[in-house]
Amino acid sequence: MNDAPPHAHPAHLALLHTSPVHVPVFDRLRDESHPGLALRHLVHEPLLDRARAEGPDAVAADVRALLAGAAADGARAVLCTCSTLGAVAEAQAGPAGVTVLRVDRPMAAAAVAVGPRITVVAALASTLGPTAALIEEEAVRAGRPVDVRTTLVPGAWERFEAGDRDGFLAAVAQAVDAVTGADAVVLAQASMAGAADRAATRLPVLASPRLGLRAAAGLAAGLVAGAEPVEGTDGGGKGVERVEAGAEGR
């Protein structure tokens, strides 16, 4: 028996974004590694604006409503691609009735496995605390020691907001190359992923989109099949739909 509401989409993985630039990135990763996985993009830019101004908890109710709406619309899991909102999104999973994964959690776990000295590089100050806390959480989960340091790239976010992607990634790559005394470098925001290939450092540079989508695809596939989630397993269905906030959300 199908209990989904009449307007619901087929089973899919929903992605909650605070910038539309993430849509083509995750579409490409899906096409490369998970071609059978149906994605539905939910783009809500004002969430990040409010979280930066008032703190992430200020948008908890809005995030919960979005997650509940995604579940009602057929999402088997939701991947939150905003590092600032990741902890809030995961905390609202239970009340919203849907499995939620923050995109940077698999990256944090991978960083902890590399070594104890981890440097977090961010373009946005509001992501530094949440990312460092997540790495420490994953270290406790793995029973490993960790020493997290943070670096904010000056002027990078302004370039991102101005649409200067090359300048943004170049600034991030330069900051990554300046890191010393670390076992791994973590790029705190999904939008920074392109800087990993531009950096000349020999240190491992970890970005979240590919690892996050792989884990979320496994969650969605396991839930669709009614089995335990298996990381890296593709879900069924085809097609991609993009949904953006209305005029009030830019």
Protein backbone atom coordinates (compact mmCIF):
# COMPACT_ATOMS: atom_id res chain seq x y z
CA MET A 1 0.00 0.00 0.00
CA ASN A 2 1.36 3.43 -0.92
CA ASP A 3 0.74 5.97 1.85
CA ALA A 4 2.50 8.86 0.09
CA PRO A 5 0.40 11.97 -0.56
CA PRO A 6 -0.91 12.34 -4.13
CA HIS A 7 1.51 15.19 -4.94
CA ALA A 8 4.61 13.33 -3.69
CA HIS A 9 7.50 12.60 -6.03
CA PRO A 10 8.95 9.09 -6.44
CA ALA A 11 11.47 7.98 -3.81
CA HIS A 12 14.50 10.24 -3.99
CA LEU A 13 17.32 11.91 -2.09
CA ALA A 14 16.63 15.55 -1.23
CA LEU A 15 19.48 18.04 -0.91
CA LEU A 16 19.06 21.17 1.22
CA HIS A 17 21.26 24.00 -0.10
CA THR A 18 21.76 27.62 0.88
CA SER A 19 23.28 28.51 -2.51
CA PRO A 20 22.27 27.50 -6.04
CA VAL A 21 25.94 26.96 -6.99
CA HIS A 22 25.77 23.53 -5.36
CA VAL A 23 23.10 22.20 -7.70
CA PRO A 24 25.32 21.49 -10.76
CA VAL A 25 28.12 20.18 -8.52
CA PHE A 26 25.96 17.47 -7.00
CA ASP A 27 24.24 16.75 -10.33
CA ARG A 28 27.66 16.06 -11.86
CA LEU A 29 28.74 13.84 -8.96
CA ARG A 30 25.46 11.95 -9.19
CA ASP A 31 25.95 11.42 -12.92
CA GLU A 32 29.53 10.23 -12.40
CA SER A 33 29.04 7.84 -9.51
CA HIS A 34 25.33 7.31 -8.79
CA PRO A 35 23.54 7.46 -12.18
CA GLY A 36 20.37 5.81 -10.93
CA LEU A 37 19.85 8.12 -7.98
CA ALA A 38 16.98 10.61 -8.18
CA LEU A 39 17.83 13.98 -6.64
CA ARG A 40 15.59 16.86 -5.63
CA HIS A 41 17.31 20.15 -4.83
CA LEU A 42 15.85 22.51 -2.24
CA VAL A 43 17.60 25.90 -2.43
CA HIS A 44 16.90 28.32 0.43
CA GLU A 45 19.49 31.10 0.55
CA PRO A 46 17.87 33.16 3.37
CA LEU A 47 18.58 30.38 5.87
CA LEU A 48 22.30 31.11 5.78
CA ASP A 49 21.77 34.87 5.97
CA ARG A 50 19.68 34.48 9.14
CA ALA A 51 22.02 31.90 10.64
CA ARG A 52 24.98 34.22 10.17
CA ALA A 53 23.12 37.15 11.69
CA GLU A 54 21.30 35.43 14.55
CA GLY A 55 23.01 32.06 14.99
CA PRO A 56 22.12 28.64 13.50
CA ASP A 57 19.50 27.87 16.16
CA ALA A 58 17.46 30.83 14.93
CA VAL A 59 16.49 28.87 11.80
CA ALA A 60 15.80 25.53 13.50
CA ALA A 61 12.02 25.78 13.05
CA ASP A 62 12.37 26.71 9.38
CA VAL A 63 14.79 23.84 8.78
CA ARG A 64 12.45 21.41 10.54
CA ALA A 65 9.56 22.54 8.33
CA LEU A 66 11.63 22.10 5.18
CA LEU A 67 12.75 18.63 6.23
CA ALA A 68 9.20 17.58 7.08
CA GLY A 69 8.05 18.88 3.71
CA ALA A 70 10.78 16.92 1.96
CA ALA A 71 9.75 13.74 3.77
CA ALA A 72 6.10 14.27 2.86
CA ASP A 73 7.15 14.77 -0.74
CA GLY A 74 8.88 11.38 -0.95
CA ALA A 75 12.46 12.01 0.20
CA ARG A 76 14.03 8.91 1.74
CA ALA A 77 16.85 11.00 3.19
CA VAL A 78 18.05 14.60 3.14
CA LEU A 79 21.64 15.74 2.60
CA CYS A 80 22.32 19.19 4.08
CA THR A 81 25.10 20.80 2.06
CA CYS A 82 25.49 23.89 4.28
CA SER A 83 28.16 23.43 6.96
CA THR A 84 26.76 26.25 9.06
CA LEU A 85 23.36 24.53 9.26
CA GLY A 86 24.52 20.92 9.33
CA ALA A 87 24.19 20.36 13.06
CA VAL A 88 20.79 22.05 13.15
CA ALA A 89 19.55 19.92 10.25
CA GLU A 90 20.66 16.67 11.88
CA ALA A 91 19.10 17.72 15.19
CA GLN A 92 15.76 18.31 13.46
CA ALA A 93 15.73 14.90 11.74
CA GLY A 94 13.70 13.20 14.48
CA PRO A 95 11.01 15.89 14.78
CA ALA A 96 10.78 16.09 10.98
CA GLY A 97 10.53 12.33 10.53
CA VAL A 98 13.32 11.89 7.98
CA THR A 99 16.93 10.70 7.95
CA VAL A 100 19.32 13.65 7.64
CA LEU A 101 23.06 13.67 6.94
CA ARG A 102 25.22 16.78 7.00
CA VAL A 103 27.49 16.77 3.97
CA ASP A 104 30.68 17.28 5.96
CA ARG A 105 30.26 14.37 8.39
CA PRO A 106 31.87 11.70 6.15
CA MET A 107 34.71 14.15 5.41
CA ALA A 108 35.27 14.73 9.12
CA ALA A 109 35.42 11.00 9.76
CA ALA A 110 37.91 10.59 6.91
CA ALA A 111 40.09 13.38 8.28
CA VAL A 112 40.19 11.81 11.73
CA ALA A 113 41.35 8.55 10.13
CA VAL A 114 44.28 10.32 8.45
CA GLY A 115 45.87 11.68 11.63
CA PRO A 116 45.35 13.79 14.74
CA ARG A 117 46.53 17.18 13.44
CA ILE A 118 43.75 18.63 11.31
CA THR A 119 43.53 22.16 9.94
CA VAL A 120 40.11 23.46 8.93
CA VAL A 121 40.15 26.09 6.18
CA ALA A 122 36.99 28.16 5.73
CA ALA A 123 35.85 31.16 3.73
CA LEU A 124 32.98 31.91 6.09
CA ALA A 125 33.57 32.44 9.82
CA SER A 126 30.24 30.84 10.78
CA THR A 127 31.45 27.45 9.51
CA LEU A 128 34.63 27.27 11.59
CA GLY A 129 33.04 26.38 14.93
CA PRO A 130 30.56 23.81 13.57
CA THR A 131 33.22 22.08 11.45
CA ALA A 132 35.76 21.92 14.26
CA ALA A 133 33.11 20.57 16.64
CA LEU A 134 32.10 17.93 14.09
CA ILE A 135 35.69 16.73 13.68
CA GLU A 136 36.06 16.49 17.46
CA GLU A 137 32.78 14.56 17.60
CA GLU A 138 33.99 12.09 14.98
CA ALA A 139 37.29 11.71 16.82
CA VAL A 140 35.44 10.74 19.99
CA ARG A 141 33.31 8.32 17.98
CA ALA A 142 36.47 6.73 16.52
CA GLY A 143 38.35 6.76 19.83
CA ARG A 144 41.18 8.80 18.33
CA PRO A 145 43.00 11.89 19.58
CA VAL A 146 42.60 15.08 17.56
CA ASP A 147 44.06 18.58 17.49
CA VAL A 148 41.93 20.89 15.34
CA ARG A 149 43.20 24.24 14.13
CA THR A 150 41.25 26.71 12.01
CA THR A 151 42.10 29.18 9.27
CA LEU A 152 39.75 31.80 7.84
CA VAL A 153 40.57 32.92 4.28
CA PRO A 154 40.29 36.73 4.23
CA GLY A 155 38.25 38.17 1.38
CA ALA A 156 37.32 34.77 -0.05
CA TRP A 157 33.63 34.89 0.81
CA GLU A 158 33.27 38.34 -0.69
CA ARG A 159 34.64 36.96 -3.96
CA PHE A 160 32.21 34.06 -3.77
CA GLU A 161 29.26 36.38 -3.26
CA ALA A 162 30.45 38.55 -6.16
CA GLY A 163 30.44 35.53 -8.48
CA ASP A 164 34.24 35.45 -8.81
CA ARG A 165 34.62 31.69 -8.59
CA ASP A 166 38.19 31.62 -9.89
CA GLY A 167 39.29 34.28 -7.44
CA PHE A 168 37.48 32.50 -4.62
CA LEU A 169 39.09 29.13 -5.32
CA ALA A 170 42.52 30.69 -5.88
CA ALA A 171 42.36 32.40 -2.49
CA VAL A 172 41.34 29.16 -0.79
CA ALA A 173 44.07 27.18 -2.56
CA GLN A 174 46.66 29.74 -1.47
CA ALA A 175 45.51 29.39 2.13
CA VAL A 176 45.68 25.61 1.89
CA ASP A 177 49.24 25.77 0.58
CA ALA A 178 50.21 27.91 3.56
CA VAL A 179 49.18 25.24 6.07
CA THR A 180 52.04 23.57 7.94
CA GLY A 181 52.23 21.12 10.80
CA ALA A 182 49.06 19.25 9.84
CA ASP A 183 48.25 15.68 8.89
CA ALA A 184 45.27 16.74 6.79
CA VAL A 185 43.49 19.86 5.59
CA VAL A 186 39.69 20.03 5.66
CA LEU A 187 37.78 22.41 3.38
CA ALA A 188 34.91 23.51 5.58
CA GLN A 189 32.41 24.44 2.86
CA ALA A 190 31.16 22.41 -0.08
CA SER A 191 31.71 25.44 -2.33
CA MET A 192 35.46 25.20 -1.66
CA ALA A 193 35.88 21.73 -3.15
CA GLY A 194 37.40 22.97 -6.41
CA ALA A 195 40.36 24.39 -4.48
CA ALA A 196 41.61 20.90 -3.63
CA ASP A 197 42.83 20.35 -7.19
CA ARG A 198 44.41 23.81 -7.35
CA ALA A 199 46.46 23.46 -4.18
CA ALA A 200 50.09 22.39 -4.56
CA THR A 201 50.50 21.02 -1.04
CA ARG A 202 51.42 17.39 -0.47
CA LEU A 203 49.07 17.18 2.47
CA PRO A 204 45.76 15.37 2.00
CA VAL A 205 43.08 17.97 1.24
CA LEU A 206 39.57 16.73 1.98
CA ALA A 207 36.39 18.18 0.49
CA SER A 208 32.85 17.22 1.38
CA PRO A 209 30.65 16.90 -1.75
CA ARG A 210 31.77 13.53 -3.14
CA LEU A 211 32.08 11.82 0.24
CA GLY A 212 28.81 13.29 1.46
CA LEU A 213 26.83 12.28 -1.60
CA ARG A 214 28.26 8.75 -1.50
CA ALA A 215 27.14 8.29 2.10
CA ALA A 216 23.73 9.87 1.49
CA ALA A 217 23.18 7.70 -1.58
CA GLY A 218 23.83 4.66 0.58
CA LEU A 219 21.34 5.89 3.17
CA ALA A 220 18.67 6.53 0.54
CA ALA A 221 19.23 3.18 -1.13
CA GLY A 222 19.07 1.27 2.15
CA LEU A 223 15.89 3.03 3.21
CA VAL A 224 14.21 2.49 -0.17
CA ALA A 225 15.08 -1.19 -0.02
CA GLY A 226 14.04 -1.45 3.61
CA ALA A 227 17.50 -2.73 4.48
CA GLU A 228 20.45 -1.46 6.47
CA PRO A 229 22.13 1.47 4.69
CA VAL A 230 25.19 0.48 2.70
CA GLU A 231 27.63 3.28 1.91
CA GLY A 232 28.11 3.85 -1.80
CA THR A 233 24.98 2.01 -2.95
CA ASP A 234 22.95 3.78 -5.61
CA GLY A 235 19.23 4.27 -5.24
CA GLY A 236 16.64 3.60 -7.85
CA GLY A 237 14.85 6.07 -10.09
CA LYS A 238 15.98 8.72 -12.52
CA GLY A 239 15.66 12.41 -13.03
CA VAL A 240 16.58 15.59 -11.24
CA GLU A 241 14.34 18.37 -10.04
CA ARG A 242 15.43 21.73 -8.69
CA VAL A 243 13.26 23.64 -6.25
CA GLU A 244 14.25 27.14 -5.10
CA ALA A 245 12.89 29.47 -2.47
CA GLY A 246 10.31 31.91 -3.73
CA ALA A 247 10.76 35.62 -4.29
CA GLU A 248 11.02 36.17 -0.56
CA GLY A 249 14.02 33.86 -0.55
CA ARG A 250 15.83 35.55 -3.44
